Amino acid sequence: MKRLEDHYLSTFTGKKFFPFNPAPDQIDIRDIAHGLSLLCRFSGQAPFFYSVAEHSIYIANNLPPHLQLEGLLHDASEAYLADLPRPVKAGLPDYAALEANVSAVIAQKFGLFVSTLPEIKAADRALLKHEVFAFFGPERYLEDFGDEYQPTNPKHFFGMSPATAEAKFLELYHSLTSTSVP
């Protein structure tokens, strides 16, 4: 029988990713962009497809330049572990530890802070509020947040196709890191 550390998943680029034994050489920005572009936020319960990649692009674009890469990659672990809804994550402390470990390896790979910066958390929360209002309406928003909706950035037009989200994610990543597209 295999040890947990020996289980892996195959990635889009053909790498082996070991969730219980991750290492920086297993991480590839193309796998992150591809995986996040195919993951739907809100467990697929939004009124249309809305990817984690698109969400991440909006986060990055709402931050000052020196924090945009952090914002773009704030949910990168989900490319390898999936996007579990908050109520599910709350009941799975072992998953939270696994996610934190994978996030730390991703941070190491890209030279990011290991813990999420307060500015990233604030931008993520602000966008979450906008998403909940836009997708589920004012009653759900009031129930979830207990206050009236105050639009923070009404310029968001949700619903990129996965291919568009993946391409825009990679384009933004490369512009932020000044590397050429492979």
Protein backbone atom coordinates (compact mmCIF):
# COMPACT_ATOMS: atom_id res chain seq x y z
CA MET A 1 0.00 0.00 0.00
CA LYS A 2 1.30 3.46 -0.95
CA ARG A 3 2.19 5.98 1.70
CA LEU A 4 0.25 9.24 1.51
CA GLU A 5 3.43 11.07 0.50
CA ASP A 6 3.71 8.84 -2.59
CA HIS A 7 0.28 9.73 -4.04
CA TYR A 8 0.40 12.28 -6.83
CA LEU A 9 -1.77 13.93 -9.40
CA SER A 10 -0.78 14.49 -13.00
CA THR A 11 -0.74 18.11 -14.11
CA PHE A 12 -1.60 19.81 -17.37
CA THR A 13 2.11 20.19 -18.24
CA GLY A 14 2.83 16.54 -17.44
CA LYS A 15 4.41 17.03 -14.03
CA LYS A 16 3.67 14.92 -11.00
CA PHE A 17 2.36 16.93 -8.07
CA PHE A 18 2.57 15.28 -4.65
CA PRO A 19 0.01 17.07 -2.43
CA PHE A 20 1.36 15.49 0.77
CA ASN A 21 4.97 16.08 -0.23
CA PRO A 22 5.03 19.16 -2.47
CA ALA A 23 8.24 20.74 -3.72
CA PRO A 24 8.89 23.88 -5.80
CA ASP A 25 10.00 21.87 -8.85
CA GLN A 26 6.49 20.34 -9.02
CA ILE A 27 4.92 23.80 -9.43
CA ASP A 28 4.42 25.41 -12.85
CA ILE A 29 2.62 28.68 -13.55
CA ARG A 30 0.99 27.08 -16.61
CA ASP A 31 -0.54 24.37 -14.41
CA ILE A 32 -1.79 27.02 -12.02
CA ALA A 33 -3.33 29.14 -14.79
CA HIS A 34 -4.90 26.14 -16.48
CA GLY A 35 -6.24 24.59 -13.27
CA LEU A 36 -7.68 27.83 -11.91
CA SER A 37 -9.29 28.66 -15.26
CA LEU A 38 -11.31 25.45 -15.09
CA LEU A 39 -12.35 25.74 -11.42
CA CYS A 40 -15.70 27.43 -10.90
CA ARG A 41 -16.11 29.65 -7.84
CA PHE A 42 -18.93 29.02 -5.38
CA SER A 43 -18.83 25.27 -6.06
CA GLY A 44 -20.42 25.89 -9.44
CA GLN A 45 -23.49 27.47 -7.82
CA ALA A 46 -23.05 30.86 -9.50
CA PRO A 47 -25.57 31.69 -12.24
CA PHE A 48 -22.86 31.10 -14.87
CA PHE A 49 -19.31 29.84 -15.04
CA TYR A 50 -16.95 32.10 -13.10
CA SER A 51 -13.46 30.76 -12.62
CA VAL A 52 -10.98 31.13 -9.80
CA ALA A 53 -8.52 32.43 -12.43
CA GLU A 54 -10.88 35.26 -13.34
CA HIS A 55 -11.40 36.03 -9.64
CA SER A 56 -7.63 36.12 -9.15
CA ILE A 57 -7.13 38.49 -12.08
CA TYR A 58 -9.66 40.91 -10.56
CA ILE A 59 -7.92 40.71 -7.18
CA ALA A 60 -4.54 41.49 -8.76
CA ASN A 61 -5.93 44.39 -10.77
CA ASN A 62 -7.41 45.96 -7.62
CA LEU A 63 -4.08 46.08 -5.80
CA PRO A 64 -1.09 48.42 -6.02
CA PRO A 65 1.61 47.19 -8.44
CA HIS A 66 3.92 45.85 -5.73
CA LEU A 67 1.16 43.50 -4.46
CA GLN A 68 -0.35 42.37 -7.75
CA LEU A 69 1.65 39.13 -8.06
CA GLU A 70 0.66 38.20 -4.49
CA GLY A 71 -2.96 38.91 -5.41
CA LEU A 72 -2.82 36.97 -8.65
CA LEU A 73 -1.46 33.88 -6.88
CA HIS A 74 -3.44 34.16 -3.63
CA ASP A 75 -5.56 31.09 -4.52
CA ALA A 76 -2.86 29.21 -6.49
CA SER A 77 -3.03 26.16 -4.19
CA GLU A 78 -6.56 25.56 -5.49
CA ALA A 79 -5.09 24.65 -8.88
CA TYR A 80 -3.73 21.54 -7.19
CA LEU A 81 -6.23 20.98 -4.37
CA ALA A 82 -9.52 22.37 -5.78
CA ASP A 83 -11.64 25.21 -4.45
CA LEU A 84 -13.52 23.95 -1.43
CA PRO A 85 -16.34 26.16 -0.18
CA ARG A 86 -15.65 28.05 3.07
CA PRO A 87 -18.23 26.07 5.09
CA VAL A 88 -16.54 22.82 4.05
CA LYS A 89 -13.01 24.11 4.74
CA ALA A 90 -14.13 25.19 8.21
CA GLY A 91 -14.90 21.58 9.07
CA LEU A 92 -11.71 20.10 7.67
CA PRO A 93 -8.72 21.22 9.74
CA ASP A 94 -6.47 18.61 8.07
CA TYR A 95 -7.34 20.11 4.69
CA ALA A 96 -6.47 23.58 5.98
CA ALA A 97 -3.04 22.32 7.02
CA LEU A 98 -2.53 20.64 3.63
CA GLU A 99 -3.58 23.83 1.83
CA ALA A 100 -1.23 25.93 4.00
CA ASN A 101 1.68 23.60 3.18
CA VAL A 102 1.00 23.70 -0.57
CA SER A 103 0.60 27.49 -0.41
CA ALA A 104 3.97 27.77 1.37
CA VAL A 105 5.67 25.76 -1.38
CA ILE A 106 4.04 27.93 -4.05
CA ALA A 107 5.19 31.04 -2.17
CA GLN A 108 8.71 29.64 -2.09
CA LYS A 109 8.59 28.90 -5.83
CA PHE A 110 7.50 32.43 -6.76
CA GLY A 111 9.25 34.40 -4.02
CA LEU A 112 6.01 35.43 -2.30
CA PHE A 113 5.12 35.95 1.35
CA VAL A 114 4.14 32.67 3.01
CA SER A 115 1.17 34.16 4.84
CA THR A 116 -1.51 36.14 3.05
CA LEU A 117 -0.97 39.86 3.49
CA PRO A 118 -3.76 41.95 5.05
CA GLU A 119 -4.10 43.96 1.83
CA ILE A 120 -4.73 40.75 -0.14
CA LYS A 121 -7.28 39.57 2.41
CA ALA A 122 -9.06 42.94 2.24
CA ALA A 123 -9.15 42.90 -1.57
CA ASP A 124 -10.40 39.30 -1.54
CA ARG A 125 -13.14 40.15 0.97
CA ALA A 126 -14.21 43.23 -1.01
CA LEU A 127 -14.45 41.21 -4.22
CA LEU A 128 -16.30 38.40 -2.42
CA LYS A 129 -18.90 40.94 -1.32
CA HIS A 130 -19.27 42.18 -4.88
CA GLU A 131 -19.52 38.60 -6.19
CA VAL A 132 -22.18 37.60 -3.65
CA PHE A 133 -24.26 40.68 -4.46
CA ALA A 134 -23.88 40.25 -8.23
CA PHE A 135 -24.55 36.50 -8.26
CA PHE A 136 -27.00 35.95 -5.43
CA GLY A 137 -28.68 39.31 -4.88
CA PRO A 138 -29.24 41.78 -2.06
CA GLU A 139 -31.08 39.41 0.31
CA ARG A 140 -28.25 36.87 0.34
CA TYR A 141 -25.71 39.70 0.62
CA LEU A 142 -27.49 41.14 3.66
CA GLU A 143 -27.75 37.68 5.22
CA ASP A 144 -24.04 36.96 4.67
CA PHE A 145 -22.57 40.35 5.55
CA GLY A 146 -25.19 42.10 7.68
CA ASP A 147 -24.96 45.45 5.97
CA GLU A 148 -26.13 47.27 2.87
CA TYR A 149 -24.17 46.69 -0.32
CA GLN A 150 -21.63 49.41 -1.06
CA PRO A 151 -20.10 48.81 -4.50
CA THR A 152 -16.32 48.89 -4.36
CA ASN A 153 -15.60 48.38 -8.04
CA PRO A 154 -18.66 48.00 -10.24
CA LYS A 155 -16.52 47.69 -13.38
CA HIS A 156 -16.29 43.90 -13.10
CA PHE A 157 -17.94 42.01 -15.91
CA PHE A 158 -17.96 38.39 -14.86
CA GLY A 159 -17.94 35.32 -17.05
CA MET A 160 -14.71 34.85 -19.03
CA SER A 161 -14.41 31.55 -20.83
CA PRO A 162 -11.81 29.21 -19.33
CA ALA A 163 -9.48 29.74 -22.31
CA THR A 164 -9.73 33.53 -21.98
CA ALA A 165 -9.20 33.43 -18.21
CA GLU A 166 -6.17 31.17 -18.61
CA ALA A 167 -4.62 33.40 -21.29
CA LYS A 168 -5.28 36.61 -19.32
CA PHE A 169 -3.94 35.03 -16.11
CA LEU A 170 -0.69 34.05 -17.87
CA GLU A 171 -0.44 37.41 -19.62
CA LEU A 172 -0.77 39.23 -16.31
CA TYR A 173 1.68 36.90 -14.60
CA HIS A 174 4.28 37.46 -17.32
CA SER A 175 3.78 41.23 -17.31
CA LEU A 176 4.26 41.26 -13.51
CA THR A 177 7.36 39.07 -13.63
CA SER A 178 8.73 40.47 -16.90
CA THR A 179 9.24 37.03 -18.36
CA SER A 180 8.32 35.88 -21.80
CA VAL A 181 5.39 33.57 -22.43
CA PRO A 182 6.66 30.00 -22.97
